[in-house]
PDB file of all heavy atoms in Angstrom:
ATOM      1  N   TYR A   1      -5.296   5.571 -21.905  1.00  0.00           N
ATOM      2  CA  TYR A   1      -4.267   6.108 -21.031  1.00  0.00           C
ATOM      3  C   TYR A   1      -2.910   5.594 -21.379  1.00  0.00           C
ATOM      4  O   TYR A   1      -2.734   4.732 -22.199  1.00  0.00           O
ATOM      5  CB  TYR A   1      -4.621   5.627 -19.569  1.00  0.00           C
ATOM      6  CG  TYR A   1      -4.984   4.168 -19.477  1.00  0.00           C
ATOM      7  CD1 TYR A   1      -3.971   3.174 -19.470  1.00  0.00           C
ATOM      8  CD2 TYR A   1      -6.310   3.753 -19.427  1.00  0.00           C
ATOM      9  CE1 TYR A   1      -4.269   1.819 -19.383  1.00  0.00           C
ATOM     10  CE2 TYR A   1      -6.637   2.376 -19.327  1.00  0.00           C
ATOM     11  CZ  TYR A   1      -5.555   1.410 -19.312  1.00  0.00           C
ATOM     12  OH  TYR A   1      -5.883   0.121 -19.207  1.00  0.00           O
ATOM     13  N   LYS A   2      -1.901   6.162 -20.710  1.00  0.00           N
ATOM     14  CA  LYS A   2      -0.489   5.752 -20.793  1.00  0.00           C
ATOM     15  C   LYS A   2      -0.072   5.086 -19.506  1.00  0.00           C
ATOM     16  O   LYS A   2      -0.360   5.629 -18.437  1.00  0.00           O
ATOM     17  CB  LYS A   2       0.419   6.940 -21.107  1.00  0.00           C
ATOM     18  CG  LYS A   2      -0.001   7.708 -22.401  1.00  0.00           C
ATOM     19  CD  LYS A   2       0.887   8.975 -22.497  1.00  0.00           C
ATOM     20  CE  LYS A   2       0.439   9.822 -23.658  1.00  0.00           C
ATOM     21  NZ  LYS A   2       1.263  11.035 -23.775  1.00  0.00           N
ATOM     22  N   ARG A   3       0.634   3.929 -19.583  1.00  0.00           N
ATOM     23  CA  ARG A   3       1.131   3.295 -18.365  1.00  0.00           C
ATOM     24  C   ARG A   3       2.530   3.784 -18.091  1.00  0.00           C
ATOM     25  O   ARG A   3       3.364   3.863 -18.992  1.00  0.00           O
ATOM     26  CB  ARG A   3       1.108   1.808 -18.531  1.00  0.00           C
ATOM     27  CG  ARG A   3      -0.258   1.196 -18.646  1.00  0.00           C
ATOM     28  CD  ARG A   3      -0.189  -0.317 -18.578  1.00  0.00           C
ATOM     29  NE  ARG A   3      -1.483  -0.994 -18.654  1.00  0.00           N
ATOM     30  CZ  ARG A   3      -2.115  -1.338 -19.820  1.00  0.00           C
ATOM     31  NH1 ARG A   3      -1.440  -1.194 -20.942  1.00  0.00           N
ATOM     32  NH2 ARG A   3      -3.288  -1.933 -19.748  1.00  0.00           N
ATOM     33  N   HIS A   4       2.812   4.082 -16.816  1.00  0.00           N
ATOM     34  CA  HIS A   4       4.113   4.526 -16.414  1.00  0.00           C
ATOM     35  C   HIS A   4       4.745   3.631 -15.335  1.00  0.00           C
ATOM     36  O   HIS A   4       5.564   4.012 -14.562  1.00  0.00           O
ATOM     37  CB  HIS A   4       4.111   5.958 -15.854  1.00  0.00           C
ATOM     38  CG  HIS A   4       3.687   6.971 -17.001  1.00  0.00           C
ATOM     39  ND1 HIS A   4       4.610   7.343 -18.004  1.00  0.00           N
ATOM     40  CD2 HIS A   4       2.568   7.616 -17.206  1.00  0.00           C
ATOM     41  CE1 HIS A   4       4.041   8.258 -18.781  1.00  0.00           C
ATOM     42  NE2 HIS A   4       2.805   8.413 -18.324  1.00  0.00           N
ATOM     43  N   GLY A   5       4.258   2.366 -15.287  1.00  0.00           N
ATOM     44  CA  GLY A   5       4.823   1.436 -14.284  1.00  0.00           C
ATOM     45  C   GLY A   5       3.805   1.130 -13.203  1.00  0.00           C
ATOM     46  O   GLY A   5       2.727   1.657 -13.147  1.00  0.00           O
ATOM     47  N   THR A   6       4.253   0.249 -12.328  1.00  0.00           N
ATOM     48  CA  THR A   6       3.344  -0.207 -11.208  1.00  0.00           C
ATOM     49  C   THR A   6       4.134  -0.165  -9.891  1.00  0.00           C
ATOM     50  O   THR A   6       5.363  -0.092  -9.827  1.00  0.00           O
ATOM     51  CB  THR A   6       2.920  -1.631 -11.488  1.00  0.00           C
ATOM     52  OG1 THR A   6       4.023  -2.487 -11.501  1.00  0.00           O
ATOM     53  CG2 THR A   6       2.132  -1.705 -12.754  1.00  0.00           C
ATOM     54  N   THR A   7       3.356  -0.245  -8.797  1.00  0.00           N
ATOM     55  CA  THR A   7       3.926  -0.321  -7.474  1.00  0.00           C
ATOM     56  C   THR A   7       2.987  -1.235  -6.602  1.00  0.00           C
ATOM     57  O   THR A   7       1.877  -1.605  -7.055  1.00  0.00           O
ATOM     58  CB  THR A   7       4.108   1.036  -6.836  1.00  0.00           C
ATOM     59  OG1 THR A   7       4.845   0.888  -5.613  1.00  0.00           O
ATOM     60  CG2 THR A   7       2.789   1.607  -6.480  1.00  0.00           C
ATOM     61  N   SER A   8       3.427  -1.591  -5.467  1.00  0.00           N
ATOM     62  CA  SER A   8       2.645  -2.437  -4.554  1.00  0.00           C
ATOM     63  C   SER A   8       2.517  -1.757  -3.223  1.00  0.00           C
ATOM     64  O   SER A   8       3.418  -0.934  -2.844  1.00  0.00           O
ATOM     65  CB  SER A   8       3.217  -3.850  -4.406  1.00  0.00           C
ATOM     66  OG  SER A   8       3.221  -4.542  -5.625  1.00  0.00           O
ATOM     67  N   LEU A   9       1.513  -2.105  -2.499  1.00  0.00           N
ATOM     68  CA  LEU A   9       1.291  -1.510  -1.153  1.00  0.00           C
ATOM     69  C   LEU A   9       0.978  -2.564  -0.145  1.00  0.00           C
ATOM     70  O   LEU A   9       0.038  -3.401  -0.346  1.00  0.00           O
ATOM     71  CB  LEU A   9       0.128  -0.476  -1.234  1.00  0.00           C
ATOM     72  CG  LEU A   9      -0.420   0.026   0.119  1.00  0.00           C
ATOM     73  CD1 LEU A   9       0.695   0.875   0.847  1.00  0.00           C
ATOM     74  CD2 LEU A   9      -1.683   0.805  -0.052  1.00  0.00           C
ATOM     75  N   TYR A  10       1.730  -2.572   0.906  1.00  0.00           N
ATOM     76  CA  TYR A  10       1.375  -3.390   2.108  1.00  0.00           C
ATOM     77  C   TYR A  10       0.694  -2.504   3.137  1.00  0.00           C
ATOM     78  O   TYR A  10       1.131  -1.351   3.381  1.00  0.00           O
ATOM     79  CB  TYR A  10       2.628  -3.996   2.713  1.00  0.00           C
ATOM     80  CG  TYR A  10       3.210  -5.154   1.935  1.00  0.00           C
ATOM     81  CD1 TYR A  10       4.140  -4.938   0.948  1.00  0.00           C
ATOM     82  CD2 TYR A  10       2.828  -6.453   2.255  1.00  0.00           C
ATOM     83  CE1 TYR A  10       4.694  -5.983   0.250  1.00  0.00           C
ATOM     84  CE2 TYR A  10       3.395  -7.543   1.506  1.00  0.00           C
ATOM     85  CZ  TYR A  10       4.287  -7.257   0.523  1.00  0.00           C
ATOM     86  OH  TYR A  10       4.826  -8.327  -0.176  1.00  0.00           O
ATOM     87  N   ALA A  11      -0.400  -2.975   3.715  1.00  0.00           N
ATOM     88  CA  ALA A  11      -1.140  -2.143   4.709  1.00  0.00           C
ATOM     89  C   ALA A  11      -1.539  -3.033   5.830  1.00  0.00           C
ATOM     90  O   ALA A  11      -1.937  -4.208   5.681  1.00  0.00           O
ATOM     91  CB  ALA A  11      -2.377  -1.544   4.026  1.00  0.00           C
ATOM     92  N   ALA A  12      -1.457  -2.430   7.052  1.00  0.00           N
ATOM     93  CA  ALA A  12      -1.945  -3.052   8.302  1.00  0.00           C
ATOM     94  C   ALA A  12      -2.966  -2.203   8.916  1.00  0.00           C
ATOM     95  O   ALA A  12      -2.687  -1.069   9.351  1.00  0.00           O
ATOM     96  CB  ALA A  12      -0.774  -3.310   9.261  1.00  0.00           C
ATOM     97  N   PHE A  13      -4.222  -2.624   8.911  1.00  0.00           N
ATOM     98  CA  PHE A  13      -5.392  -1.851   9.411  1.00  0.00           C
ATOM     99  C   PHE A  13      -5.609  -2.157  10.875  1.00  0.00           C
ATOM    100  O   PHE A  13      -5.935  -3.354  11.188  1.00  0.00           O
ATOM    101  CB  PHE A  13      -6.581  -2.198   8.517  1.00  0.00           C
ATOM    102  CG  PHE A  13      -7.870  -1.411   8.911  1.00  0.00           C
ATOM    103  CD1 PHE A  13      -8.083  -0.160   8.439  1.00  0.00           C
ATOM    104  CD2 PHE A  13      -8.807  -2.032   9.727  1.00  0.00           C
ATOM    105  CE1 PHE A  13      -9.264   0.507   8.751  1.00  0.00           C
ATOM    106  CE2 PHE A  13      -9.942  -1.366  10.052  1.00  0.00           C
ATOM    107  CZ  PHE A  13     -10.169  -0.105   9.565  1.00  0.00           C
ATOM    108  N   ASN A  14      -5.569  -1.187  11.758  1.00  0.00           N
ATOM    109  CA  ASN A  14      -5.786  -1.391  13.166  1.00  0.00           C
ATOM    110  C   ASN A  14      -7.262  -1.291  13.455  1.00  0.00           C
ATOM    111  O   ASN A  14      -7.902  -0.243  13.255  1.00  0.00           O
ATOM    112  CB  ASN A  14      -5.071  -0.268  13.965  1.00  0.00           C
ATOM    113  CG  ASN A  14      -5.188  -0.519  15.472  1.00  0.00           C
ATOM    114  OD1 ASN A  14      -6.062  -1.123  15.985  1.00  0.00           O
ATOM    115  ND2 ASN A  14      -4.175   0.059  16.189  1.00  0.00           N
ATOM    116  N   ILE A  15      -7.962  -2.442  13.799  1.00  0.00           N
ATOM    117  CA  ILE A  15      -9.376  -2.459  13.892  1.00  0.00           C
ATOM    118  C   ILE A  15      -9.874  -1.595  15.080  1.00  0.00           C
ATOM    119  O   ILE A  15     -10.985  -1.256  15.162  1.00  0.00           O
ATOM    120  CB  ILE A  15      -9.937  -3.905  13.967  1.00  0.00           C
ATOM    121  CG1 ILE A  15      -9.569  -4.528  15.297  1.00  0.00           C
ATOM    122  CG2 ILE A  15      -9.472  -4.731  12.813  1.00  0.00           C
ATOM    123  CD1 ILE A  15     -10.347  -5.798  15.596  1.00  0.00           C
ATOM    124  N   LEU A  16      -9.006  -1.383  16.035  1.00  0.00           N
ATOM    125  CA  LEU A  16      -9.424  -0.586  17.199  1.00  0.00           C
ATOM    126  C   LEU A  16      -9.497   0.902  16.911  1.00  0.00           C
ATOM    127  O   LEU A  16     -10.416   1.586  17.390  1.00  0.00           O
ATOM    128  CB  LEU A  16      -8.474  -0.812  18.406  1.00  0.00           C
ATOM    129  CG  LEU A  16      -8.785  -0.076  19.669  1.00  0.00           C
ATOM    130  CD1 LEU A  16     -10.087  -0.606  20.232  1.00  0.00           C
ATOM    131  CD2 LEU A  16      -7.658  -0.265  20.697  1.00  0.00           C
ATOM    132  N   THR A  17      -8.572   1.442  16.133  1.00  0.00           N
ATOM    133  CA  THR A  17      -8.494   2.848  15.849  1.00  0.00           C
ATOM    134  C   THR A  17      -8.850   3.217  14.402  1.00  0.00           C
ATOM    135  O   THR A  17      -9.183   4.290  14.114  1.00  0.00           O
ATOM    136  CB  THR A  17      -7.142   3.406  16.145  1.00  0.00           C
ATOM    137  OG1 THR A  17      -6.171   2.825  15.272  1.00  0.00           O
ATOM    138  CG2 THR A  17      -6.748   3.185  17.623  1.00  0.00           C
ATOM    139  N   GLY A  18      -8.729   2.262  13.489  1.00  0.00           N
ATOM    140  CA  GLY A  18      -8.930   2.463  12.053  1.00  0.00           C
ATOM    141  C   GLY A  18      -7.679   3.022  11.398  1.00  0.00           C
ATOM    142  O   GLY A  18      -7.727   3.339  10.192  1.00  0.00           O
ATOM    143  N   GLU A  19      -6.612   3.270  12.143  1.00  0.00           N
ATOM    144  CA  GLU A  19      -5.379   3.784  11.499  1.00  0.00           C
ATOM    145  C   GLU A  19      -4.686   2.707  10.745  1.00  0.00           C
ATOM    146  O   GLU A  19      -4.870   1.517  10.965  1.00  0.00           O
ATOM    147  CB  GLU A  19      -4.449   4.377  12.572  1.00  0.00           C
ATOM    148  CG  GLU A  19      -5.045   5.540  13.326  1.00  0.00           C
ATOM    149  CD  GLU A  19      -4.100   6.104  14.409  1.00  0.00           C
ATOM    150  OE1 GLU A  19      -3.140   5.357  14.718  1.00  0.00           O
ATOM    151  OE2 GLU A  19      -4.375   7.210  14.889  1.00  0.00           O
ATOM    152  N   VAL A  20      -3.833   3.134   9.771  1.00  0.00           N
ATOM    153  CA  VAL A  20      -3.183   2.243   8.829  1.00  0.00           C
ATOM    154  C   VAL A  20      -1.693   2.415   8.876  1.00  0.00           C
ATOM    155  O   VAL A  20      -1.215   3.544   8.854  1.00  0.00           O
ATOM    156  CB  VAL A  20      -3.736   2.449   7.407  1.00  0.00           C
ATOM    157  CG1 VAL A  20      -2.872   1.663   6.391  1.00  0.00           C
ATOM    158  CG2 VAL A  20      -5.151   2.030   7.314  1.00  0.00           C
ATOM    159  N   ILE A  21      -0.981   1.294   8.954  1.00  0.00           N
ATOM    160  CA  ILE A  21       0.494   1.331   8.793  1.00  0.00           C
ATOM    161  C   ILE A  21       0.722   0.845   7.333  1.00  0.00           C
ATOM    162  O   ILE A  21       0.275  -0.206   6.965  1.00  0.00           O
ATOM    163  CB  ILE A  21       1.209   0.391   9.710  1.00  0.00           C
ATOM    164  CG1 ILE A  21       0.980   0.840  11.179  1.00  0.00           C
ATOM    165  CG2 ILE A  21       2.731   0.368   9.452  1.00  0.00           C
ATOM    166  CD1 ILE A  21       1.486  -0.142  12.225  1.00  0.00           C
ATOM    167  N   GLY A  22       1.394   1.727   6.507  1.00  0.00           N
ATOM    168  CA  GLY A  22       1.585   1.348   5.075  1.00  0.00           C
ATOM    169  C   GLY A  22       3.002   1.293   4.712  1.00  0.00           C
ATOM    170  O   GLY A  22       3.852   1.998   5.296  1.00  0.00           O
ATOM    171  N   ARG A  23       3.268   0.524   3.660  1.00  0.00           N
ATOM    172  CA  ARG A  23       4.621   0.385   3.133  1.00  0.00           C
ATOM    173  C   ARG A  23       4.483   0.217   1.609  1.00  0.00           C
ATOM    174  O   ARG A  23       3.926  -0.767   1.161  1.00  0.00           O
ATOM    175  CB  ARG A  23       5.409  -0.767   3.759  1.00  0.00           C
ATOM    176  CG  ARG A  23       6.867  -0.788   3.297  1.00  0.00           C
ATOM    177  CD  ARG A  23       7.607  -1.995   3.948  1.00  0.00           C
ATOM    178  NE  ARG A  23       9.006  -1.944   3.695  1.00  0.00           N
ATOM    179  CZ  ARG A  23       9.929  -1.292   4.336  1.00  0.00           C
ATOM    180  NH1 ARG A  23       9.622  -0.538   5.390  1.00  0.00           N
ATOM    181  NH2 ARG A  23      11.239  -1.305   3.992  1.00  0.00           N
ATOM    182  N   VAL A  24       4.975   1.182   0.851  1.00  0.00           N
ATOM    183  CA  VAL A  24       4.955   1.060  -0.614  1.00  0.00           C
ATOM    184  C   VAL A  24       6.218   0.411  -1.101  1.00  0.00           C
ATOM    185  O   VAL A  24       7.334   0.838  -0.727  1.00  0.00           O
ATOM    186  CB  VAL A  24       4.818   2.495  -1.202  1.00  0.00           C
ATOM    187  CG1 VAL A  24       4.729   2.424  -2.722  1.00  0.00           C
ATOM    188  CG2 VAL A  24       3.599   3.178  -0.672  1.00  0.00           C
ATOM    189  N   THR A  25       6.094  -0.620  -1.921  1.00  0.00           N
ATOM    190  CA  THR A  25       7.235  -1.342  -2.403  1.00  0.00           C
ATOM    191  C   THR A  25       7.178  -1.507  -3.923  1.00  0.00           C
ATOM    192  O   THR A  25       6.138  -1.372  -4.530  1.00  0.00           O
ATOM    193  CB  THR A  25       7.292  -2.756  -1.767  1.00  0.00           C
ATOM    194  OG1 THR A  25       6.124  -3.535  -2.136  1.00  0.00           O
ATOM    195  CG2 THR A  25       7.337  -2.706  -0.251  1.00  0.00           C
ATOM    196  N   GLN A  26       8.329  -1.774  -4.501  1.00  0.00           N
ATOM    197  CA  GLN A  26       8.389  -1.949  -5.942  1.00  0.00           C
ATOM    198  C   GLN A  26       7.986  -3.369  -6.386  1.00  0.00           C
ATOM    199  O   GLN A  26       7.444  -3.583  -7.468  1.00  0.00           O
ATOM    200  CB  GLN A  26       9.798  -1.613  -6.473  1.00  0.00           C
ATOM    201  CG  GLN A  26       9.855  -1.422  -7.953  1.00  0.00           C
ATOM    202  CD  GLN A  26       8.961  -0.281  -8.493  1.00  0.00           C
ATOM    203  OE1 GLN A  26       8.803   0.771  -7.837  1.00  0.00           O
ATOM    204  NE2 GLN A  26       8.221  -0.563  -9.563  1.00  0.00           N
ATOM    205  N   ARG A  27       8.342  -4.315  -5.454  1.00  0.00           N
ATOM    206  CA  ARG A  27       8.037  -5.724  -5.775  1.00  0.00           C
ATOM    207  C   ARG A  27       7.169  -6.312  -4.666  1.00  0.00           C
ATOM    208  O   ARG A  27       7.027  -5.758  -3.615  1.00  0.00           O
ATOM    209  CB  ARG A  27       9.332  -6.464  -5.994  1.00  0.00           C
ATOM    210  CG  ARG A  27      10.249  -5.937  -7.059  1.00  0.00           C
ATOM    211  CD  ARG A  27      11.479  -6.767  -7.289  1.00  0.00           C
ATOM    212  NE  ARG A  27      11.177  -8.063  -7.810  1.00  0.00           N
ATOM    213  CZ  ARG A  27      12.077  -9.028  -8.062  1.00  0.00           C
ATOM    214  NH1 ARG A  27      13.407  -8.734  -7.852  1.00  0.00           N
ATOM    215  NH2 ARG A  27      11.766 -10.203  -8.476  1.00  0.00           N
ATOM    216  N   HIS A  28       6.713  -7.546  -4.964  1.00  0.00           N
ATOM    217  CA  HIS A  28       5.840  -8.217  -4.007  1.00  0.00           C
ATOM    218  C   HIS A  28       6.407  -9.675  -3.825  1.00  0.00           C
ATOM    219  O   HIS A  28       6.135 -10.601  -4.526  1.00  0.00           O
ATOM    220  CB  HIS A  28       4.433  -8.309  -4.677  1.00  0.00           C
ATOM    221  CG  HIS A  28       3.466  -9.204  -3.919  1.00  0.00           C
ATOM    222  ND1 HIS A  28       2.731 -10.220  -4.555  1.00  0.00           N
ATOM    223  CD2 HIS A  28       3.220  -9.347  -2.597  1.00  0.00           C
ATOM    224  CE1 HIS A  28       2.040 -10.829  -3.619  1.00  0.00           C
ATOM    225  NE2 HIS A  28       2.313 -10.342  -2.526  1.00  0.00           N
TER     226      HIS A  28
END
């Protein structure tokens, strides 16, 4: 494969509903 860079993901999983709040960021 060819690499084209990376990204990071922050996620908050609501255990009551299973829904997710997400935030995609370039750095960590």
